[in-house]
Protein backbone atom coordinates (compact mmCIF):
# COMPACT_ATOMS: atom_id res chain seq x y z
CA UNK A 1 95.99 -123.43 -44.23
CA UNK A 2 94.73 -121.36 -41.32
CA UNK A 3 96.13 -123.57 -38.44
CA UNK A 4 98.40 -121.97 -35.86
CA UNK A 5 100.18 -123.37 -32.82
CA UNK A 6 102.65 -122.11 -30.36
CA UNK A 7 106.13 -120.95 -31.50
CA UNK A 8 107.92 -123.28 -29.09
CA UNK A 9 107.02 -126.69 -30.35
CA UNK A 10 108.88 -128.73 -33.08
CA UNK A 11 108.45 -127.76 -36.85
CA UNK A 12 107.80 -130.19 -39.52
CA UNK A 13 109.63 -130.38 -42.99
CA UNK A 14 107.44 -127.55 -44.43
CA UNK A 15 108.16 -125.25 -41.61
CA UNK A 16 104.88 -125.70 -39.81
CA UNK A 17 104.53 -126.74 -36.18
CA UNK A 18 104.65 -130.38 -35.90
CA UNK A 19 101.54 -132.36 -34.66
CA UNK A 20 101.73 -132.90 -30.80
CA UNK A 21 102.68 -136.51 -29.77
CA UNK A 22 100.14 -139.25 -30.58
CA UNK A 23 101.67 -141.37 -27.73
CA UNK A 24 98.58 -141.27 -25.47
CA UNK A 25 96.16 -143.57 -26.96
CA UNK A 26 93.74 -143.85 -24.08
CA UNK A 27 90.24 -142.40 -24.46
CA UNK A 28 90.12 -138.83 -22.96
CA UNK A 29 87.04 -137.06 -22.04
CA UNK A 30 86.83 -133.66 -23.87
CA UNK A 31 84.08 -131.20 -22.73
CA UNK A 32 83.16 -128.84 -25.66
CA UNK A 33 82.41 -125.27 -24.44
CA UNK A 34 81.10 -122.20 -26.25
CA UNK A 35 78.19 -119.88 -26.86
CA UNK A 36 75.21 -120.64 -28.86
CA UNK A 37 75.26 -120.89 -32.47
CA UNK A 38 79.17 -121.32 -32.70
CA UNK A 39 78.98 -124.60 -34.68
CA UNK A 40 80.09 -126.95 -31.65
CA UNK A 41 77.68 -129.79 -32.79
CA UNK A 42 78.70 -129.60 -36.28
CA UNK A 43 82.41 -129.40 -35.39
CA UNK A 44 82.15 -132.46 -33.17
CA UNK A 45 80.16 -134.38 -35.81
CA UNK A 46 83.11 -133.40 -38.22
CA UNK A 47 85.75 -134.61 -35.74
CA UNK A 48 84.13 -137.94 -35.00
CA UNK A 49 82.27 -138.76 -38.36
CA UNK A 50 78.95 -138.89 -36.50
CA UNK A 51 75.79 -137.09 -37.48
CA UNK A 52 75.02 -133.91 -35.43
CA UNK A 53 72.18 -134.52 -33.03
CA UNK A 54 70.90 -130.93 -32.64
CA UNK A 55 69.04 -128.64 -34.97
CA UNK A 56 70.55 -125.72 -36.66
CA UNK A 57 69.07 -123.02 -34.47
CA UNK A 58 70.09 -121.41 -31.09
CA UNK A 59 69.60 -123.39 -28.02
CA UNK A 60 68.84 -126.64 -29.92
CA UNK A 61 71.42 -128.51 -27.68
CA UNK A 62 69.58 -128.65 -24.35
CA UNK A 63 71.39 -131.80 -23.04
CA UNK A 64 74.80 -132.89 -22.84
CA UNK A 65 75.40 -135.27 -25.78
CA UNK A 66 78.24 -137.68 -26.01
CA UNK A 67 80.32 -138.39 -29.26
CA UNK A 68 82.98 -141.14 -29.52
CA UNK A 69 86.03 -141.02 -31.55
CA UNK A 70 88.84 -143.55 -31.64
CA UNK A 71 90.97 -141.85 -28.87
CA UNK A 72 88.31 -139.29 -27.29
CA UNK A 73 84.83 -138.86 -25.73
CA UNK A 74 83.30 -135.47 -26.64
CA UNK A 75 80.80 -133.98 -24.51
CA UNK A 76 78.71 -131.46 -26.52
CA UNK A 77 77.38 -128.90 -24.04
CA UNK A 78 74.49 -126.56 -24.47
CA UNK A 79 75.46 -123.11 -25.73
CA UNK A 80 76.48 -120.80 -22.78
CA UNK A 81 74.35 -117.70 -22.46
CA UNK A 82 76.49 -114.87 -20.78
CA UNK A 83 74.66 -113.67 -17.66
CA UNK A 84 71.96 -116.34 -18.06
CA UNK A 85 70.36 -118.32 -15.39
CA UNK A 86 68.98 -120.97 -17.95
CA UNK A 87 69.15 -124.52 -17.22
CA UNK A 88 71.18 -125.23 -20.18
CA UNK A 89 73.98 -122.81 -19.15
CA UNK A 90 74.08 -124.31 -15.71
CA UNK A 91 74.50 -127.73 -17.32
CA UNK A 92 77.23 -126.46 -19.50
CA UNK A 93 79.14 -124.98 -16.40
CA UNK A 94 78.53 -128.12 -14.36
CA UNK A 95 80.18 -130.31 -17.08
CA UNK A 96 83.09 -127.73 -17.28
CA UNK A 97 83.48 -128.09 -13.44
CA UNK A 98 83.78 -131.92 -13.75
CA UNK A 99 86.25 -132.16 -16.54
CA UNK A 100 89.89 -130.84 -16.98
CA UNK A 101 90.07 -130.93 -20.92
CA UNK A 102 88.29 -128.50 -22.84
CA UNK A 103 87.65 -127.74 -26.65
CA UNK A 104 87.00 -124.11 -26.53
CA UNK A 105 84.80 -122.96 -29.62
CA UNK A 106 84.45 -119.28 -30.31
CA UNK A 107 83.04 -117.27 -33.38
CA UNK A 108 85.33 -115.55 -35.54
CA UNK A 109 82.90 -112.72 -36.30
CA UNK A 110 82.71 -111.78 -32.67
CA UNK A 111 85.95 -113.29 -31.45
CA UNK A 112 86.94 -110.57 -29.05
CA UNK A 113 83.75 -110.73 -26.88
CA UNK A 114 83.68 -114.48 -27.02
CA UNK A 115 87.14 -114.92 -25.59
CA UNK A 116 86.64 -112.00 -22.98
CA UNK A 117 83.49 -113.98 -21.79
CA UNK A 118 84.60 -117.52 -21.97
CA UNK A 119 88.42 -117.50 -21.08
CA UNK A 120 87.84 -116.77 -17.31
CA UNK A 121 85.60 -119.96 -17.20
CA UNK A 122 88.41 -122.19 -18.73
CA UNK A 123 91.29 -120.75 -16.53
CA UNK A 124 93.55 -123.48 -15.29
CA UNK A 125 91.95 -126.10 -17.48
CA UNK A 126 93.76 -127.72 -20.48
CA UNK A 127 92.71 -127.69 -24.04
CA UNK A 128 92.55 -126.26 -27.33
CA UNK A 129 90.91 -123.31 -28.98
CA UNK A 130 88.93 -123.56 -32.32
CA UNK A 131 87.73 -120.38 -34.06
CA UNK A 132 84.67 -121.17 -36.20
CA UNK A 133 83.12 -119.07 -38.81
CA UNK A 134 86.56 -118.31 -40.30
CA UNK A 135 85.09 -118.22 -43.91
CA UNK A 136 83.30 -114.91 -42.73
CA UNK A 137 86.63 -113.29 -42.02
CA UNK A 138 88.84 -112.02 -44.92
CA UNK A 139 92.05 -113.91 -44.48
CA UNK A 140 94.97 -111.42 -44.65
CA UNK A 141 98.33 -110.98 -43.11
CA UNK A 142 96.85 -108.90 -40.40
CA UNK A 143 94.31 -111.55 -39.20
CA UNK A 144 96.88 -114.29 -39.57
CA UNK A 145 99.21 -112.15 -37.49
CA UNK A 146 96.53 -111.80 -34.75
CA UNK A 147 96.08 -115.51 -34.49
CA UNK A 148 99.84 -116.17 -34.37
CA UNK A 149 100.32 -113.70 -31.57
CA UNK A 150 97.61 -115.37 -29.58
CA UNK A 151 99.12 -118.56 -30.15
CA UNK A 152 102.65 -117.39 -28.98
CA UNK A 153 101.52 -115.51 -25.86
CA UNK A 154 99.14 -118.18 -24.64
CA UNK A 155 101.10 -121.35 -25.65
CA UNK A 156 97.76 -122.79 -26.83
CA UNK A 157 96.94 -124.59 -29.98
CA UNK A 158 94.61 -122.35 -31.93
CA UNK A 159 92.79 -123.59 -35.14
CA UNK A 160 90.65 -121.48 -37.48
CA UNK A 161 88.00 -123.45 -39.35
CA UNK A 162 84.66 -123.47 -41.18
CA UNK A 163 82.94 -126.05 -39.01
CA UNK A 164 80.65 -127.06 -41.96
CA UNK A 165 83.59 -127.80 -44.40
CA UNK A 166 86.57 -128.86 -42.13
CA UNK A 167 89.48 -130.31 -43.90
CA UNK A 168 91.10 -133.74 -42.96
CA UNK A 169 94.39 -131.74 -42.20
CA UNK A 170 92.50 -129.49 -39.65
CA UNK A 171 90.57 -132.49 -38.20
CA UNK A 172 93.85 -134.34 -37.66
CA UNK A 173 95.39 -131.46 -36.13
CA UNK A 174 92.60 -130.76 -33.56
CA UNK A 175 92.56 -134.29 -32.57
CA UNK A 176 96.36 -134.56 -32.17
CA UNK A 177 96.36 -131.35 -30.20
CA UNK A 178 93.95 -132.75 -27.80
CA UNK A 179 96.22 -135.70 -27.01
CA UNK A 180 98.75 -133.49 -24.88
CA UNK A 181 96.93 -130.16 -24.57
CA UNK A 182 98.44 -127.09 -22.97
CA UNK A 183 96.96 -125.24 -19.83
CA UNK A 184 94.83 -122.10 -20.39
CA UNK A 185 96.96 -119.34 -18.65
CA UNK A 186 95.08 -117.63 -15.80
CA UNK A 187 96.23 -114.11 -16.57
CA UNK A 188 96.23 -114.11 -20.38
CA UNK A 189 94.42 -111.18 -21.91
CA UNK A 190 94.55 -111.51 -25.72
CA UNK A 191 95.10 -108.33 -27.58
CA UNK A 192 92.09 -107.21 -29.39
CA UNK A 193 91.48 -108.56 -32.93
CA UNK A 194 89.75 -105.43 -33.78
CA UNK A 195 87.15 -106.92 -36.07
CA UNK A 196 83.41 -107.48 -35.51
CA UNK A 197 81.41 -108.92 -38.56
CA UNK A 198 77.62 -108.51 -38.52
CA UNK A 199 75.37 -110.26 -40.74
CA UNK A 200 73.83 -108.06 -43.42
CA UNK A 201 70.38 -106.69 -42.35
CA UNK A 202 67.27 -107.55 -44.41
CA UNK A 203 63.69 -106.40 -44.46
CA UNK A 204 63.19 -108.42 -41.13
CA UNK A 205 65.21 -105.66 -39.44
CA UNK A 206 63.28 -102.85 -40.74
CA UNK A 207 61.86 -100.91 -37.84
CA UNK A 208 58.43 -100.59 -39.28
CA UNK A 209 58.03 -103.50 -41.74
CA UNK A 210 60.10 -106.25 -40.04
CA UNK A 211 57.45 -107.55 -37.72
CA UNK A 212 54.82 -107.72 -40.54
CA UNK A 213 57.18 -109.72 -42.87
CA UNK A 214 58.10 -112.04 -39.81
CA UNK A 215 54.34 -112.86 -39.27
CA UNK A 216 53.74 -113.24 -42.96
CA UNK A 217 56.76 -115.66 -43.13
CA UNK A 218 55.31 -117.61 -40.31
CA UNK A 219 51.99 -118.08 -42.10
CA UNK A 220 53.33 -118.85 -45.50
CA UNK A 221 54.29 -122.50 -44.67
CA UNK A 222 50.79 -123.28 -43.20
CA UNK A 223 49.11 -121.73 -46.25
CA UNK A 224 51.16 -123.44 -48.75
CA UNK A 225 50.86 -126.77 -46.72
CA UNK A 226 47.05 -126.45 -46.69
CA UNK A 227 46.92 -125.50 -50.48
CA UNK A 228 49.41 -128.34 -51.57
CA UNK A 229 47.74 -130.96 -49.49
CA UNK A 230 44.36 -130.16 -50.35
CA UNK A 231 45.07 -130.06 -54.03
CA UNK A 232 46.69 -133.52 -53.63
CA UNK A 233 43.76 -134.86 -51.74
CA UNK A 234 41.25 -133.52 -54.24
CA UNK A 235 42.84 -135.55 -56.83
CA UNK A 236 43.69 -138.73 -54.78
CA UNK A 237 40.62 -139.08 -52.57
CA UNK A 238 38.21 -140.16 -55.40
CA UNK A 239 40.81 -142.72 -56.78
CA UNK A 240 41.32 -144.16 -53.16
CA UNK A 241 37.52 -144.17 -52.27
CA UNK A 242 37.03 -146.19 -55.56
CA UNK A 243 39.67 -148.58 -54.60
CA UNK A 244 38.44 -149.25 -51.22
CA UNK A 245 34.71 -149.51 -52.13
CA UNK A 246 34.93 -153.04 -53.27
CA UNK A 247 36.72 -153.94 -50.10
CA UNK A 248 34.08 -152.37 -47.93
CA UNK A 249 31.30 -154.19 -49.90
CA UNK A 250 33.26 -157.55 -49.49
CA UNK A 251 33.40 -156.97 -45.72
CA UNK A 252 29.84 -156.14 -45.03
CA UNK A 253 28.91 -159.75 -44.18
CA UNK A 254 31.45 -159.85 -41.29
CA UNK A 255 30.18 -160.15 -37.56
CA UNK A 256 28.82 -156.80 -36.56
CA UNK A 257 31.57 -155.99 -34.06
CA UNK A 258 34.30 -156.72 -36.53
CA UNK A 259 32.44 -154.77 -39.23
CA UNK A 260 32.05 -151.88 -37.00
CA UNK A 261 35.92 -151.80 -36.47
CA UNK A 262 36.79 -152.17 -40.12
CA UNK A 263 34.24 -150.21 -41.94
CA UNK A 264 31.82 -148.64 -39.52
CA UNK A 265 31.47 -145.01 -38.76
CA UNK A 266 34.84 -144.71 -37.09
CA UNK A 267 36.33 -147.95 -38.75
CA UNK A 268 39.93 -148.47 -39.62
CA UNK A 269 39.23 -148.67 -43.39
CA UNK A 270 36.77 -145.69 -43.19
CA UNK A 271 39.16 -143.42 -41.34
CA UNK A 272 42.42 -144.27 -42.99
CA UNK A 273 41.86 -142.14 -46.20
CA UNK A 274 41.36 -139.02 -44.04
CA UNK A 275 44.70 -139.78 -42.32
CA UNK A 276 46.82 -140.62 -45.24
CA UNK A 277 45.32 -138.47 -47.90
CA UNK A 278 44.29 -135.33 -46.02
CA UNK A 279 46.54 -135.14 -42.96
CA UNK A 280 49.87 -136.78 -43.91
CA UNK A 281 50.72 -134.49 -46.95
CA UNK A 282 50.15 -131.53 -44.79
CA UNK A 283 52.47 -132.79 -42.16
CA UNK A 284 55.22 -133.54 -44.59
CA UNK A 285 54.92 -130.19 -46.33
CA UNK A 286 54.87 -128.16 -43.17
CA UNK A 287 57.91 -130.10 -41.74
CA UNK A 288 60.09 -129.55 -44.99
CA UNK A 289 59.06 -125.69 -44.68
CA UNK A 290 59.87 -125.50 -41.14
CA UNK A 291 63.23 -127.51 -41.69
CA UNK A 292 64.23 -125.11 -44.41
CA UNK A 293 63.56 -122.10 -42.16
CA UNK A 294 65.67 -123.68 -39.37
CA UNK A 295 68.48 -124.68 -41.59
CA UNK A 296 68.81 -121.36 -43.30
CA UNK A 297 68.90 -119.34 -40.07
CA UNK A 298 65.60 -117.50 -41.11
CA UNK A 299 63.69 -118.70 -38.05
CA UNK A 300 66.30 -116.80 -35.88
CA UNK A 301 65.79 -113.47 -37.82
CA UNK A 302 61.96 -113.92 -37.33
CA UNK A 303 62.16 -114.27 -33.75
CA UNK A 304 64.46 -111.38 -33.26
CA UNK A 305 62.04 -109.18 -35.48
CA UNK A 306 59.15 -110.13 -33.17
CA UNK A 307 61.01 -109.89 -29.92
CA UNK A 308 59.91 -106.36 -29.01
CA UNK A 309 56.22 -107.41 -29.60
CA UNK A 310 56.50 -110.29 -27.24
CA UNK A 311 57.87 -108.63 -24.17
CA UNK A 312 54.49 -107.15 -22.99
CA UNK A 313 53.38 -110.86 -22.82
CA UNK A 314 56.08 -112.14 -20.70
CA UNK A 315 57.98 -113.81 -23.61
CA UNK A 316 61.13 -113.27 -25.70
CA UNK A 317 62.06 -113.93 -29.20
CA UNK A 318 64.06 -116.95 -27.77
CA UNK A 319 60.89 -118.30 -26.29
CA UNK A 320 58.99 -117.93 -29.52
CA UNK A 321 61.61 -120.42 -31.22
CA UNK A 322 60.27 -122.99 -28.75
CA UNK A 323 56.70 -122.29 -29.45
CA UNK A 324 57.36 -122.61 -33.20
CA UNK A 325 59.33 -125.88 -32.51
CA UNK A 326 56.14 -127.16 -30.84
CA UNK A 327 54.35 -127.05 -34.24
CA UNK A 328 56.41 -130.18 -34.99
CA UNK A 329 56.16 -131.87 -31.56
CA UNK A 330 55.27 -130.38 -28.15
CA UNK A 331 57.72 -132.68 -26.32
CA UNK A 332 60.90 -131.74 -27.74
CA UNK A 333 59.77 -128.16 -27.57
CA UNK A 334 59.03 -128.35 -24.04
CA UNK A 335 62.47 -129.77 -23.23
CA UNK A 336 64.14 -127.24 -25.16
CA UNK A 337 62.70 -124.56 -22.87
CA UNK A 338 65.71 -125.35 -20.65
CA UNK A 339 67.48 -122.66 -22.77
CA UNK A 340 65.00 -119.97 -21.67
CA UNK A 341 65.52 -117.60 -18.82
CA UNK A 342 63.99 -118.85 -15.53
CA UNK A 343 61.49 -115.90 -15.37
CA UNK A 344 59.92 -116.76 -18.71
CA UNK A 345 60.23 -120.48 -18.89
CA UNK A 346 57.10 -121.18 -17.16
CA UNK A 347 55.22 -118.94 -19.49
CA UNK A 348 56.94 -120.33 -22.63
CA UNK A 349 55.80 -123.84 -21.50
CA UNK A 350 52.28 -122.77 -20.97
CA UNK A 351 52.33 -121.10 -24.49
CA UNK A 352 53.45 -124.42 -26.07
CA UNK A 353 50.96 -126.53 -24.37
CA UNK A 354 48.15 -124.12 -25.23
CA UNK A 355 49.04 -122.67 -28.70
CA UNK A 356 51.64 -124.90 -30.35
CA UNK A 357 49.45 -126.97 -32.76
CA UNK A 358 51.79 -129.92 -32.82
CA UNK A 359 52.21 -132.00 -36.22
CA UNK A 360 49.57 -134.36 -35.22
CA UNK A 361 47.00 -131.55 -34.14
CA UNK A 362 47.93 -129.35 -37.18
CA UNK A 363 47.75 -132.12 -39.54
CA UNK A 364 44.42 -133.27 -38.16
CA UNK A 365 43.03 -129.84 -38.18
CA UNK A 366 43.81 -129.18 -41.61
CA UNK A 367 42.53 -132.78 -42.46
CA UNK A 368 39.09 -131.61 -40.98
CA UNK A 369 39.08 -128.35 -42.72
CA UNK A 370 39.70 -130.05 -46.12
CA UNK A 371 37.21 -132.85 -45.56
CA UNK A 372 34.63 -130.06 -44.86
CA UNK A 373 35.61 -128.26 -47.93
CA UNK A 374 36.56 -125.38 -45.92
CA UNK A 375 40.31 -124.91 -46.19
CA UNK A 376 40.27 -121.12 -45.91
CA UNK A 377 39.38 -121.76 -42.21
CA UNK A 378 43.12 -122.22 -41.62
CA UNK A 379 43.69 -118.40 -41.63
CA UNK A 380 41.13 -117.35 -39.08
CA UNK A 381 41.96 -120.47 -37.05
CA UNK A 382 45.78 -119.54 -36.72
CA UNK A 383 44.93 -115.86 -36.08
CA UNK A 384 42.40 -116.83 -33.21
CA UNK A 385 44.96 -119.21 -31.80
CA UNK A 386 47.55 -116.85 -31.89
CA UNK A 387 45.69 -113.97 -30.39
CA UNK A 388 44.17 -116.23 -27.68
CA UNK A 389 47.55 -117.59 -26.91
CA UNK A 390 48.96 -114.16 -26.37
CA UNK A 391 46.06 -113.09 -24.08
CA UNK A 392 46.62 -116.30 -22.05
CA UNK A 393 50.37 -115.66 -21.60
CA UNK A 394 49.84 -112.07 -20.72
CA UNK A 395 47.40 -113.07 -17.91
CA UNK A 396 49.43 -115.91 -16.45
CA UNK A 397 53.17 -114.51 -17.00
CA UNK A 398 55.33 -113.47 -14.28
CA UNK A 399 55.47 -109.76 -13.69
CA UNK A 400 59.05 -109.73 -13.83
CA UNK A 401 59.20 -111.10 -17.33
CA UNK A 402 56.85 -108.27 -18.57
CA UNK A 403 58.83 -105.54 -17.01
CA UNK A 404 60.58 -103.31 -19.47
CA UNK A 405 63.33 -103.30 -17.09
CA UNK A 406 63.99 -106.92 -17.44
CA UNK A 407 66.27 -107.38 -20.27
CA UNK A 408 65.29 -111.03 -21.40
CA UNK A 409 68.19 -112.66 -23.19
CA UNK A 410 68.09 -112.15 -26.97
CA UNK A 411 71.14 -112.53 -29.11
CA UNK A 412 72.05 -110.58 -32.26
CA UNK A 413 70.92 -111.74 -35.65
CA UNK A 414 72.54 -114.92 -37.29
CA UNK A 415 73.96 -115.20 -40.70
CA UNK A 416 71.67 -116.45 -43.45
CA UNK A 417 72.77 -119.23 -45.60
CA UNK A 418 71.13 -121.24 -48.49
CA UNK A 419 69.82 -124.44 -46.68
CA UNK A 420 71.27 -127.62 -47.78
CA UNK A 421 68.89 -130.46 -48.25
CA UNK A 422 70.55 -132.86 -46.03
CA UNK A 423 69.93 -130.50 -43.18
CA UNK A 424 66.50 -129.65 -44.28
CA UNK A 425 65.66 -133.21 -44.34
CA UNK A 426 67.32 -134.01 -40.96
CA UNK A 427 65.13 -131.44 -39.49
CA UNK A 428 62.01 -132.53 -41.08
CA UNK A 429 62.51 -136.19 -40.75
CA UNK A 430 62.15 -136.08 -36.93
CA UNK A 431 58.65 -134.52 -37.37
CA UNK A 432 57.62 -136.98 -40.07
CA UNK A 433 58.91 -139.89 -38.11
CA UNK A 434 57.00 -138.96 -34.99
CA UNK A 435 53.85 -138.67 -37.30
CA UNK A 436 54.41 -142.11 -39.00
CA UNK A 437 55.50 -144.12 -35.96
CA UNK A 438 53.83 -142.42 -33.14
CA UNK A 439 50.77 -140.58 -34.18
CA UNK A 440 49.48 -142.96 -36.72
CA UNK A 441 49.62 -146.01 -34.63
CA UNK A 442 47.91 -144.25 -31.72
CA UNK A 443 45.16 -142.81 -34.08
CA UNK A 444 44.42 -146.20 -35.26
CA UNK A 445 43.95 -147.42 -31.62
CA UNK A 446 41.62 -144.26 -31.11
CA UNK A 447 39.53 -145.56 -34.05
CA UNK A 448 39.21 -149.00 -32.58
CA UNK A 449 38.19 -147.60 -29.27
CA UNK A 450 35.79 -145.41 -30.98
CA UNK A 451 34.25 -148.22 -33.06
CA UNK A 452 33.83 -150.52 -30.08
CA UNK A 453 32.14 -147.77 -27.94
CA UNK A 454 29.81 -147.06 -30.96
CA UNK A 455 29.07 -150.72 -31.44
CA UNK A 456 28.22 -150.99 -27.69
CA UNK A 457 26.09 -147.93 -27.83
CA UNK A 458 28.29 -146.01 -25.40
CA UNK A 459 28.74 -143.09 -27.74
CA UNK A 460 24.98 -142.58 -27.84
CA UNK A 461 24.78 -142.71 -24.25
CA UNK A 462 27.73 -140.42 -23.73
CA UNK A 463 26.18 -138.03 -26.29
CA UNK A 464 22.95 -137.87 -24.25
CA UNK A 465 24.98 -137.17 -20.95
CA UNK A 466 27.15 -134.51 -22.48
CA UNK A 467 24.39 -133.04 -24.74
CA UNK A 468 23.72 -129.97 -22.42
CA UNK A 469 27.42 -129.03 -22.31
CA UNK A 470 27.77 -129.29 -26.07
CA UNK A 471 24.80 -126.92 -26.29
CA UNK A 472 26.74 -124.43 -24.25
CA UNK A 473 29.16 -124.13 -27.23
CA UNK A 474 26.41 -124.22 -29.78
CA UNK A 475 27.48 -127.72 -31.02
CA UNK A 476 25.72 -131.02 -31.51
CA UNK A 477 26.17 -133.87 -29.23
CA UNK A 478 28.01 -135.76 -31.86
CA UNK A 479 31.08 -133.37 -31.12
CA UNK A 480 31.51 -134.75 -27.56
CA UNK A 481 33.56 -137.79 -28.33
CA UNK A 482 36.09 -136.28 -30.66
CA UNK A 483 36.53 -133.50 -28.21
CA UNK A 484 37.10 -136.07 -25.49
CA UNK A 485 39.59 -138.21 -27.46
CA UNK A 486 41.38 -135.12 -28.81
CA UNK A 487 41.91 -134.00 -25.22
CA UNK A 488 44.03 -137.10 -24.74
CA UNK A 489 45.61 -137.40 -28.19
CA UNK A 490 45.38 -134.31 -30.58
CA UNK A 491 45.24 -136.48 -33.65
CA UNK A 492 41.65 -137.75 -32.41
CA UNK A 493 40.40 -134.36 -33.98
CA UNK A 494 40.31 -136.47 -37.29
CA UNK A 495 37.15 -138.14 -35.98
CA UNK A 496 35.39 -134.70 -36.84
CA UNK A 497 36.17 -135.55 -40.48
CA UNK A 498 33.65 -138.31 -40.44
CA UNK A 499 31.06 -137.13 -43.33
CA UNK A 500 28.18 -137.64 -41.09
CA UNK A 501 29.51 -135.40 -38.39
CA UNK A 502 30.68 -132.70 -40.86
CA UNK A 503 27.36 -132.49 -42.63
CA UNK A 504 25.47 -131.06 -39.51
CA UNK A 505 28.27 -128.35 -38.73
CA UNK A 506 28.32 -124.86 -40.02
CA UNK A 507 31.83 -123.32 -40.70
CA UNK A 508 31.66 -121.55 -37.42
CA UNK A 509 30.96 -124.85 -35.58
CA UNK A 510 33.78 -126.40 -37.30
CA UNK A 511 36.06 -123.73 -36.12
CA UNK A 512 34.69 -123.84 -32.72
CA UNK A 513 35.05 -127.60 -32.38
CA UNK A 514 38.69 -127.56 -33.48
CA UNK A 515 39.62 -124.69 -31.23
CA UNK A 516 37.89 -126.38 -28.16
CA UNK A 517 39.22 -129.86 -28.83
CA UNK A 518 42.80 -128.26 -29.45
CA UNK A 519 43.30 -125.99 -26.51
CA UNK A 520 41.03 -127.45 -23.86
CA UNK A 521 43.92 -129.67 -22.51
CA UNK A 522 47.39 -130.45 -23.37
CA UNK A 523 47.83 -133.93 -24.90
CA UNK A 524 48.64 -136.60 -22.25
CA UNK A 525 52.28 -136.99 -23.42
CA UNK A 526 52.97 -133.42 -23.26
CA UNK A 527 51.62 -133.30 -19.86
CA UNK A 528 53.89 -135.97 -18.52
CA UNK A 529 56.82 -134.25 -20.16
CA UNK A 530 55.87 -130.87 -18.45
CA UNK A 531 55.53 -132.78 -15.06
CA UNK A 532 59.01 -134.24 -15.34
CA UNK A 533 60.55 -131.05 -16.60
CA UNK A 534 59.00 -128.79 -13.90
CA UNK A 535 56.92 -130.49 -11.09
CA UNK A 536 53.53 -132.26 -10.69
CA UNK A 537 52.40 -129.20 -8.93
CA UNK A 538 53.35 -127.12 -12.06
CA UNK A 539 51.66 -129.49 -14.37
CA UNK A 540 48.46 -129.62 -12.47
CA UNK A 541 48.17 -125.68 -12.12
CA UNK A 542 48.75 -125.46 -15.85
CA UNK A 543 46.10 -128.04 -16.50
CA UNK A 544 43.52 -126.07 -14.57
CA UNK A 545 44.33 -122.72 -15.96
CA UNK A 546 44.50 -124.03 -19.60
CA UNK A 547 41.15 -125.61 -19.26
CA UNK A 548 39.56 -122.53 -17.92
CA UNK A 549 41.09 -120.49 -20.74
CA UNK A 550 40.17 -122.89 -23.30
CA UNK A 551 36.41 -123.09 -22.21
CA UNK A 552 36.25 -119.27 -22.06
CA UNK A 553 37.89 -118.70 -25.62
CA UNK A 554 35.76 -121.30 -27.20
CA UNK A 555 32.76 -119.73 -25.87
CA UNK A 556 33.73 -116.47 -27.02
CA UNK A 557 34.25 -117.89 -30.55
CA UNK A 558 31.09 -119.86 -30.69
CA UNK A 559 28.66 -117.11 -29.51
CA UNK A 560 30.90 -114.13 -30.67
CA UNK A 561 31.02 -115.58 -34.11
CA UNK A 562 27.30 -115.75 -34.29
CA UNK A 563 27.01 -111.97 -33.16
CA UNK A 564 29.55 -110.95 -35.94
CA UNK A 565 27.40 -113.00 -38.52
């Protein structure tokens, strides 16, 4: 048992230190402090029996979450980035100032540096030290002696654990030690443990091949999601169409307005197969892949491999994590930028709003490509979206962030582990729930609005007004409504999947409408989140810059593609 306490307390019958007194039964407030990726959230979840709120990748805790146990209130703070001005680090330090009892969490793999960086922050506080990742350290007489010496010289309770598999005895001891915690000594300088365990390198760390492998790994989930969903839809769509055909026929005698809403060109029944057969399988597959990447630690390795390539564009590997996170939903991705450096946060938010095709947009995009029998367009689409996003961030980013003299924060590589299904599902479930309970209801509302407008003849009128504008992009006027609706909600892209619209579009035009509708404006919910996280002025400036960039890049695609052909 790797539990060590000061030599002064009472010993139990086995000769081990007895548990501290449990006489104090009032609910104490414990602030949990540590660097990123130390397993703080998982540790607190184990101590309280609650599910961890945050994801399994760096900087996923961006707010101070609260967990309740029988006797304590645990405040899970964002990971502290040493020498960082990130919003999350400031939040963690603020909580530390406001509370006297601390659960200090450090990693066994780099314990000397963690203690040297964090002990000055908790001086004069009371608390306990938990050393996680102890399973990565070879437990020998020497390592045990180091921990025992620290315990004796500091008079603190020090516990070594694997936060993912904490034992009942370890859990009980930590909770008991927090009932009557000792003070962190102000002048204590621990003797060096002398070990520093680094994760084994992989091809992702290869100086010449790493970046190429990282890009490939980012494309693989999208490619497989397209192929899998398209294969499923090819089999399921004829069955579903046959099933709803009698329903459509039986509803043909309804009043014209109700018929238009249910089985018209944009009707609920007409559009539902596109949503459930073509788009939803893609969202589910992509969410599961991304969940596996996060749960295994692979997403961290990918971002570190791509970090040198991103610096000229005012971004770091940490920022890329947020942009990738936006492929699930832009809103939590924007919020998670609180963990970014101040000089790159604005650029990261702009990159999310412009280039992160959220699950609604990505699913709808793949649904359009599949319905048009052009699934291969996903490759040029992703390549063009990536290239234009990088050009956009290069233009708008702070010169300080692009400077080679500015060491944007990037931590060392993480340990890879085989992803557990429970963690994968927890990661994927959030995206899937967003799609089922947020995207689908709103899309159905969009179809009703489109049906009513079509019934009133407003769509034809709008098409006549916007017809010259669509001509600028080499598009037919029928593309106007989906572009307008997709600018408000990205799942409005699915209106392009209507057979009559697709029949008049060439592959280049399909690519153009998806690009224009996707990047012209951030969706309304994302814009409100940006406004709340930054300021109305920042959000309006972002809106104007993105609209200009979206128009320019779409024009280049529409007419440049014709020249290439």
